[in-house]
C-alpha atoms as a PDB file:
ATOM      1  CA  UNK A   1     -25.835  23.549   9.947  1.00  0.00           C
ATOM      2  CA  UNK A   2     -23.807  20.678   8.457  1.00  0.00           C
ATOM      3  CA  UNK A   3     -25.319  17.245   8.815  1.00  0.00           C
ATOM      4  CA  UNK A   4     -23.903  15.020  11.552  1.00  0.00           C
ATOM      5  CA  UNK A   5     -21.322  12.633  10.116  1.00  0.00           C
ATOM      6  CA  UNK A   6     -20.852  14.701   6.956  1.00  0.00           C
ATOM      7  CA  UNK A   7     -17.194  15.563   7.662  1.00  0.00           C
ATOM      8  CA  UNK A   8     -15.775  12.018   7.306  1.00  0.00           C
ATOM      9  CA  UNK A   9     -17.919  11.475   4.211  1.00  0.00           C
ATOM     10  CA  UNK A  10     -16.686  14.693   2.598  1.00  0.00           C
ATOM     11  CA  UNK A  11     -13.056  13.919   3.482  1.00  0.00           C
ATOM     12  CA  UNK A  12     -13.308  10.449   1.958  1.00  0.00           C
ATOM     13  CA  UNK A  13     -14.977  11.948  -1.097  1.00  0.00           C
ATOM     14  CA  UNK A  14     -11.998  14.273  -1.552  1.00  0.00           C
ATOM     15  CA  UNK A  15      -9.493  11.458  -1.009  1.00  0.00           C
ATOM     16  CA  UNK A  16     -11.251   9.335  -3.646  1.00  0.00           C
ATOM     17  CA  UNK A  17     -11.260  12.329  -5.999  1.00  0.00           C
ATOM     18  CA  UNK A  18      -7.531  12.827  -5.414  1.00  0.00           C
ATOM     19  CA  UNK A  19      -6.872   9.209  -6.393  1.00  0.00           C
ATOM     20  CA  UNK A  20      -8.912   9.697  -9.570  1.00  0.00           C
ATOM     21  CA  UNK A  21      -7.219  13.009 -10.367  1.00  0.00           C
ATOM     22  CA  UNK A  22      -3.723  11.553  -9.999  1.00  0.00           C
ATOM     23  CA  UNK A  23      -4.753   8.627 -12.215  1.00  0.00           C
ATOM     24  CA  UNK A  24      -6.027  11.027 -14.895  1.00  0.00           C
ATOM     25  CA  UNK A  25      -3.575  13.920 -14.731  1.00  0.00           C
ATOM     26  CA  UNK A  26      -0.572  12.819 -12.656  1.00  0.00           C
ATOM     27  CA  UNK A  27       0.447  14.290  -9.330  1.00  0.00           C
ATOM     28  CA  UNK A  28       2.085  17.432 -10.728  1.00  0.00           C
ATOM     29  CA  UNK A  29      -0.985  18.341 -12.775  1.00  0.00           C
ATOM     30  CA  UNK A  30      -3.424  17.485 -10.016  1.00  0.00           C
ATOM     31  CA  UNK A  31      -4.715  20.700  -8.481  1.00  0.00           C
ATOM     32  CA  UNK A  32      -7.338  21.778  -6.008  1.00  0.00           C
ATOM     33  CA  UNK A  33      -9.513  22.578  -9.028  1.00  0.00           C
ATOM     34  CA  UNK A  34      -9.170  19.122 -10.651  1.00  0.00           C
ATOM     35  CA  UNK A  35      -9.861  17.419  -7.325  1.00  0.00           C
ATOM     36  CA  UNK A  36     -12.872  19.557  -6.456  1.00  0.00           C
ATOM     37  CA  UNK A  37     -14.288  19.153  -9.966  1.00  0.00           C
ATOM     38  CA  UNK A  38     -14.073  15.340  -9.771  1.00  0.00           C
ATOM     39  CA  UNK A  39     -15.523  15.372  -6.260  1.00  0.00           C
ATOM     40  CA  UNK A  40     -18.311  17.709  -7.315  1.00  0.00           C
ATOM     41  CA  UNK A  41     -17.484  20.005  -4.400  1.00  0.00           C
ATOM     42  CA  UNK A  42     -16.297  23.585  -4.073  1.00  0.00           C
ATOM     43  CA  UNK A  43     -12.525  24.115  -4.035  1.00  0.00           C
ATOM     44  CA  UNK A  44     -12.785  25.926  -0.708  1.00  0.00           C
ATOM     45  CA  UNK A  45     -13.833  22.750   1.055  1.00  0.00           C
ATOM     46  CA  UNK A  46     -10.347  21.276   0.491  1.00  0.00           C
ATOM     47  CA  UNK A  47      -8.760  24.122   2.432  1.00  0.00           C
ATOM     48  CA  UNK A  48     -11.468  23.770   5.072  1.00  0.00           C
ATOM     49  CA  UNK A  49     -10.855  20.069   5.701  1.00  0.00           C
ATOM     50  CA  UNK A  50      -7.188  19.623   4.787  1.00  0.00           C
ATOM     51  CA  UNK A  51      -5.493  23.013   4.536  1.00  0.00           C
ATOM     52  CA  UNK A  52      -4.286  22.554   0.962  1.00  0.00           C
ATOM     53  CA  UNK A  53      -3.277  20.164  -1.799  1.00  0.00           C
ATOM     54  CA  UNK A  54      -0.154  18.828  -0.070  1.00  0.00           C
ATOM     55  CA  UNK A  55      -2.024  17.901   3.086  1.00  0.00           C
ATOM     56  CA  UNK A  56      -4.733  16.228   0.994  1.00  0.00           C
ATOM     57  CA  UNK A  57      -2.124  14.227  -0.930  1.00  0.00           C
ATOM     58  CA  UNK A  58      -0.607  13.070   2.368  1.00  0.00           C
ATOM     59  CA  UNK A  59      -4.075  12.131   3.634  1.00  0.00           C
ATOM     60  CA  UNK A  60      -4.622  10.132   0.441  1.00  0.00           C
ATOM     61  CA  UNK A  61      -1.380   8.203   0.942  1.00  0.00           C
ATOM     62  CA  UNK A  62      -2.345   7.588   4.577  1.00  0.00           C
ATOM     63  CA  UNK A  63      -5.633   6.175   3.297  1.00  0.00           C
ATOM     64  CA  UNK A  64      -3.780   3.711   1.054  1.00  0.00           C
ATOM     65  CA  UNK A  65      -1.505   2.750   3.950  1.00  0.00           C
ATOM     66  CA  UNK A  66      -4.510   2.221   6.198  1.00  0.00           C
ATOM     67  CA  UNK A  67      -6.198   0.049   3.579  1.00  0.00           C
ATOM     68  CA  UNK A  68      -3.002  -1.983   3.294  1.00  0.00           C
ATOM     69  CA  UNK A  69      -2.974  -2.530   7.057  1.00  0.00           C
ATOM     70  CA  UNK A  70      -6.673  -3.395   7.159  1.00  0.00           C
ATOM     71  CA  UNK A  71      -6.274  -5.890   4.306  1.00  0.00           C
ATOM     72  CA  UNK A  72      -3.807  -7.861   6.419  1.00  0.00           C
ATOM     73  CA  UNK A  73      -5.822  -7.542   9.628  1.00  0.00           C
ATOM     74  CA  UNK A  74      -8.961  -8.811   7.905  1.00  0.00           C
ATOM     75  CA  UNK A  75      -7.074 -11.890   6.736  1.00  0.00           C
ATOM     76  CA  UNK A  76      -5.515 -12.814  10.087  1.00  0.00           C
ATOM     77  CA  UNK A  77      -8.154 -11.628  12.572  1.00  0.00           C
ATOM     78  CA  UNK A  78      -9.689 -14.434  14.596  1.00  0.00           C
ATOM     79  CA  UNK A  79      -7.581 -17.132  12.972  1.00  0.00           C
ATOM     80  CA  UNK A  80      -4.912 -19.342  14.505  1.00  0.00           C
ATOM     81  CA  UNK A  81      -2.436 -19.146  11.656  1.00  0.00           C
ATOM     82  CA  UNK A  82       0.951 -20.754  11.305  1.00  0.00           C
ATOM     83  CA  UNK A  83       3.725 -18.238  10.687  1.00  0.00           C
ATOM     84  CA  UNK A  84       4.137 -19.521   7.132  1.00  0.00           C
ATOM     85  CA  UNK A  85       0.452 -18.924   6.408  1.00  0.00           C
ATOM     86  CA  UNK A  86       0.720 -15.420   7.830  1.00  0.00           C
ATOM     87  CA  UNK A  87       3.548 -14.692   5.385  1.00  0.00           C
ATOM     88  CA  UNK A  88       1.199 -15.644   2.545  1.00  0.00           C
ATOM     89  CA  UNK A  89      -1.393 -13.237   3.948  1.00  0.00           C
ATOM     90  CA  UNK A  90       1.163 -10.408   4.011  1.00  0.00           C
ATOM     91  CA  UNK A  91       1.838 -10.938   0.323  1.00  0.00           C
ATOM     92  CA  UNK A  92      -1.870 -11.083  -0.519  1.00  0.00           C
ATOM     93  CA  UNK A  93      -2.494  -7.835   1.371  1.00  0.00           C
ATOM     94  CA  UNK A  94       0.084  -6.065  -0.797  1.00  0.00           C
ATOM     95  CA  UNK A  95      -1.584  -7.254  -4.003  1.00  0.00           C
ATOM     96  CA  UNK A  96      -5.269  -6.630  -3.269  1.00  0.00           C
ATOM     97  CA  UNK A  97      -7.540  -5.306  -5.991  1.00  0.00           C
ATOM     98  CA  UNK A  98      -7.364  -1.828  -4.450  1.00  0.00           C
ATOM     99  CA  UNK A  99      -3.565  -1.742  -4.328  1.00  0.00           C
ATOM    100  CA  UNK A 100      -3.339  -2.835  -7.970  1.00  0.00           C
ATOM    101  CA  UNK A 101      -6.077  -0.470  -9.224  1.00  0.00           C
ATOM    102  CA  UNK A 102      -5.079   2.316 -11.617  1.00  0.00           C
ATOM    103  CA  UNK A 103      -5.817   5.180  -9.178  1.00  0.00           C
ATOM    104  CA  UNK A 104      -3.808   3.475  -6.418  1.00  0.00           C
ATOM    105  CA  UNK A 105      -0.856   2.517  -8.616  1.00  0.00           C
ATOM    106  CA  UNK A 106      -0.585   6.003 -10.115  1.00  0.00           C
ATOM    107  CA  UNK A 107      -0.715   7.538  -6.641  1.00  0.00           C
ATOM    108  CA  UNK A 108       1.867   5.120  -5.191  1.00  0.00           C
ATOM    109  CA  UNK A 109       4.263   5.762  -8.081  1.00  0.00           C
ATOM    110  CA  UNK A 110       3.905   9.528  -7.714  1.00  0.00           C
ATOM    111  CA  UNK A 111       4.227   9.208  -3.952  1.00  0.00           C
ATOM    112  CA  UNK A 112       7.491   7.275  -4.164  1.00  0.00           C
ATOM    113  CA  UNK A 113       8.967   9.857  -6.529  1.00  0.00           C
ATOM    114  CA  UNK A 114       7.867  12.838  -4.428  1.00  0.00           C
ATOM    115  CA  UNK A 115       8.928  11.258  -1.127  1.00  0.00           C
ATOM    116  CA  UNK A 116      12.533  12.088  -2.041  1.00  0.00           C
ATOM    117  CA  UNK A 117      11.645  15.785  -1.955  1.00  0.00           C
ATOM    118  CA  UNK A 118       8.776  16.124   0.548  1.00  0.00           C
ATOM    119  CA  UNK A 119       9.543  15.440   4.258  1.00  0.00           C
ATOM    120  CA  UNK A 120       5.920  14.564   5.014  1.00  0.00           C
ATOM    121  CA  UNK A 121       5.800  11.972   2.247  1.00  0.00           C
ATOM    122  CA  UNK A 122       9.258  10.680   3.183  1.00  0.00           C
ATOM    123  CA  UNK A 123       7.971  10.051   6.712  1.00  0.00           C
ATOM    124  CA  UNK A 124       5.026   8.074   5.341  1.00  0.00           C
ATOM    125  CA  UNK A 125       7.335   6.048   3.109  1.00  0.00           C
ATOM    126  CA  UNK A 126       9.466   5.231   6.151  1.00  0.00           C
ATOM    127  CA  UNK A 127       6.361   4.080   8.037  1.00  0.00           C
ATOM    128  CA  UNK A 128       5.331   1.926   5.088  1.00  0.00           C
ATOM    129  CA  UNK A 129       8.753   0.270   4.794  1.00  0.00           C
ATOM    130  CA  UNK A 130       9.095  -0.341   8.528  1.00  0.00           C
ATOM    131  CA  UNK A 131       5.614  -1.850   8.773  1.00  0.00           C
ATOM    132  CA  UNK A 132       6.292  -4.338   5.976  1.00  0.00           C
ATOM    133  CA  UNK A 133       9.692  -5.186   7.472  1.00  0.00           C
ATOM    134  CA  UNK A 134       8.204  -5.680  10.935  1.00  0.00           C
ATOM    135  CA  UNK A 135       5.350  -7.879   9.707  1.00  0.00           C
ATOM    136  CA  UNK A 136       7.658 -10.106   7.694  1.00  0.00           C
ATOM    137  CA  UNK A 137      10.331 -10.373  10.378  1.00  0.00           C
ATOM    138  CA  UNK A 138       7.804 -11.311  13.063  1.00  0.00           C
ATOM    139  CA  UNK A 139       6.764 -14.379  11.065  1.00  0.00           C
ATOM    140  CA  UNK A 140      10.178 -15.321   9.699  1.00  0.00           C
ATOM    141  CA  UNK A 141      11.634 -15.369  13.222  1.00  0.00           C
ATOM    142  CA  UNK A 142       9.214 -18.145  14.115  1.00  0.00           C
ATOM    143  CA  UNK A 143      10.580 -20.252  11.266  1.00  0.00           C
ATOM    144  CA  UNK A 144      14.250 -19.341  10.849  1.00  0.00           C
ATOM    145  CA  UNK A 145      17.191 -18.388  13.026  1.00  0.00           C
ATOM    146  CA  UNK A 146      17.688 -14.656  13.581  1.00  0.00           C
ATOM    147  CA  UNK A 147      20.310 -14.145  10.873  1.00  0.00           C
ATOM    148  CA  UNK A 148      18.345 -16.005   8.214  1.00  0.00           C
ATOM    149  CA  UNK A 149      15.103 -14.346   9.301  1.00  0.00           C
ATOM    150  CA  UNK A 150      16.590 -10.890   8.740  1.00  0.00           C
ATOM    151  CA  UNK A 151      17.983 -11.842   5.334  1.00  0.00           C
ATOM    152  CA  UNK A 152      14.682 -13.439   4.316  1.00  0.00           C
ATOM    153  CA  UNK A 153      12.783 -10.342   5.445  1.00  0.00           C
ATOM    154  CA  UNK A 154      14.918  -8.020   3.323  1.00  0.00           C
ATOM    155  CA  UNK A 155      14.658 -10.323   0.323  1.00  0.00           C
ATOM    156  CA  UNK A 156      10.894 -10.751   0.623  1.00  0.00           C
ATOM    157  CA  UNK A 157      10.294  -7.011   1.089  1.00  0.00           C
ATOM    158  CA  UNK A 158      12.442  -6.246  -1.958  1.00  0.00           C
ATOM    159  CA  UNK A 159      10.547  -8.821  -4.012  1.00  0.00           C
ATOM    160  CA  UNK A 160       7.141  -7.495  -2.960  1.00  0.00           C
ATOM    161  CA  UNK A 161       8.085  -3.886  -3.737  1.00  0.00           C
ATOM    162  CA  UNK A 162      10.023  -4.795  -6.885  1.00  0.00           C
ATOM    163  CA  UNK A 163       7.375  -7.039  -8.404  1.00  0.00           C
ATOM    164  CA  UNK A 164       4.650  -4.559  -7.469  1.00  0.00           C
ATOM    165  CA  UNK A 165       6.592  -1.774  -9.220  1.00  0.00           C
ATOM    166  CA  UNK A 166       7.263  -3.833 -12.354  1.00  0.00           C
ATOM    167  CA  UNK A 167       3.601  -4.826 -12.498  1.00  0.00           C
ATOM    168  CA  UNK A 168       2.385  -1.247 -12.054  1.00  0.00           C
ATOM    169  CA  UNK A 169       4.585  -0.123 -14.954  1.00  0.00           C
ATOM    170  CA  UNK A 170       3.613  -3.022 -17.214  1.00  0.00           C
ATOM    171  CA  UNK A 171       1.354  -2.519 -20.262  1.00  0.00           C
ATOM    172  CA  UNK A 172      -0.589  -5.571 -18.979  1.00  0.00           C
ATOM    173  CA  UNK A 173      -0.657  -4.861 -15.244  1.00  0.00           C
ATOM    174  CA  UNK A 174      -3.502  -7.210 -14.243  1.00  0.00           C
ATOM    175  CA  UNK A 175      -1.727 -10.344 -15.444  1.00  0.00           C
ATOM    176  CA  UNK A 176       1.617  -9.076 -14.138  1.00  0.00           C
ATOM    177  CA  UNK A 177       0.157  -8.441 -10.681  1.00  0.00           C
ATOM    178  CA  UNK A 178      -1.342 -11.936 -10.606  1.00  0.00           C
ATOM    179  CA  UNK A 179       1.996 -13.509 -11.506  1.00  0.00           C
ATOM    180  CA  UNK A 180       3.879 -11.232  -9.111  1.00  0.00           C
ATOM    181  CA  UNK A 181       1.816 -12.419  -6.160  1.00  0.00           C
ATOM    182  CA  UNK A 182       2.498 -16.049  -7.082  1.00  0.00           C
ATOM    183  CA  UNK A 183       6.231 -15.435  -7.552  1.00  0.00           C
ATOM    184  CA  UNK A 184       6.508 -13.819  -4.121  1.00  0.00           C
ATOM    185  CA  UNK A 185       4.648 -16.698  -2.503  1.00  0.00           C
ATOM    186  CA  UNK A 186       6.812 -19.268  -4.284  1.00  0.00           C
ATOM    187  CA  UNK A 187       9.949 -17.499  -3.087  1.00  0.00           C
ATOM    188  CA  UNK A 188       8.847 -17.883   0.531  1.00  0.00           C
ATOM    189  CA  UNK A 189       7.727 -21.493   0.039  1.00  0.00           C
ATOM    190  CA  UNK A 190      11.080 -22.417  -1.519  1.00  0.00           C
ATOM    191  CA  UNK A 191      13.009 -20.527   1.146  1.00  0.00           C
ATOM    192  CA  UNK A 192      11.232 -22.289   3.989  1.00  0.00           C
ATOM    193  CA  UNK A 193      11.636 -25.669   2.328  1.00  0.00           C
ATOM    194  CA  UNK A 194      15.356 -25.052   2.146  1.00  0.00           C
ATOM    195  CA  UNK A 195      15.969 -23.484   5.555  1.00  0.00           C
ATOM    196  CA  UNK A 196      12.801 -23.500   7.611  1.00  0.00           C
ATOM    197  CA  UNK A 197      11.403 -25.777  10.232  1.00  0.00           C
ATOM    198  CA  UNK A 198       7.795 -25.432   9.052  1.00  0.00           C
ATOM    199  CA  UNK A 199       6.519 -26.026   5.530  1.00  0.00           C
ATOM    200  CA  UNK A 200       4.110 -23.634   3.820  1.00  0.00           C
ATOM    201  CA  UNK A 201       0.616 -24.665   2.784  1.00  0.00           C
END
């Protein structure tokens, strides 16, 4: 009989192996065999837990999305933050060490490309975009009027995604990611100084 609690451990093992496989071989060349070999598990276990490669890829993207959400929750939980400080936390959550790691960046880039062709991945991309938009807008509305808050939200989301993408594609990604986070924060600080009622710390 399988050990109690083994299923979530095995599933996470396969998700981690998928991230490593995409980093090494790319999404198109990642197969059940490459994943199972990296995980040190039989290929049949992927079908057992996920049904196939596509479902495992979607589970891997969901894992990255969940880690993105948790990164923000860990920063704001139990704190009485000003809206401006919360905006800084949103930016930090998008540039954590996990989200800028090679396995994560390779998977995100492949995910964005495939989301134009795969309905399941397109749905996850929509969730990702809406979550970022909602988080930003919630805080901006406490600092700006509705029209400016919406504009600021779209600008900030575009900067976060754009700078993240440029950094991921850079030959020196670590330094680029560090600068990108600071640029995004400075954009919000300058915006609130110009239009907002509350200054950023």
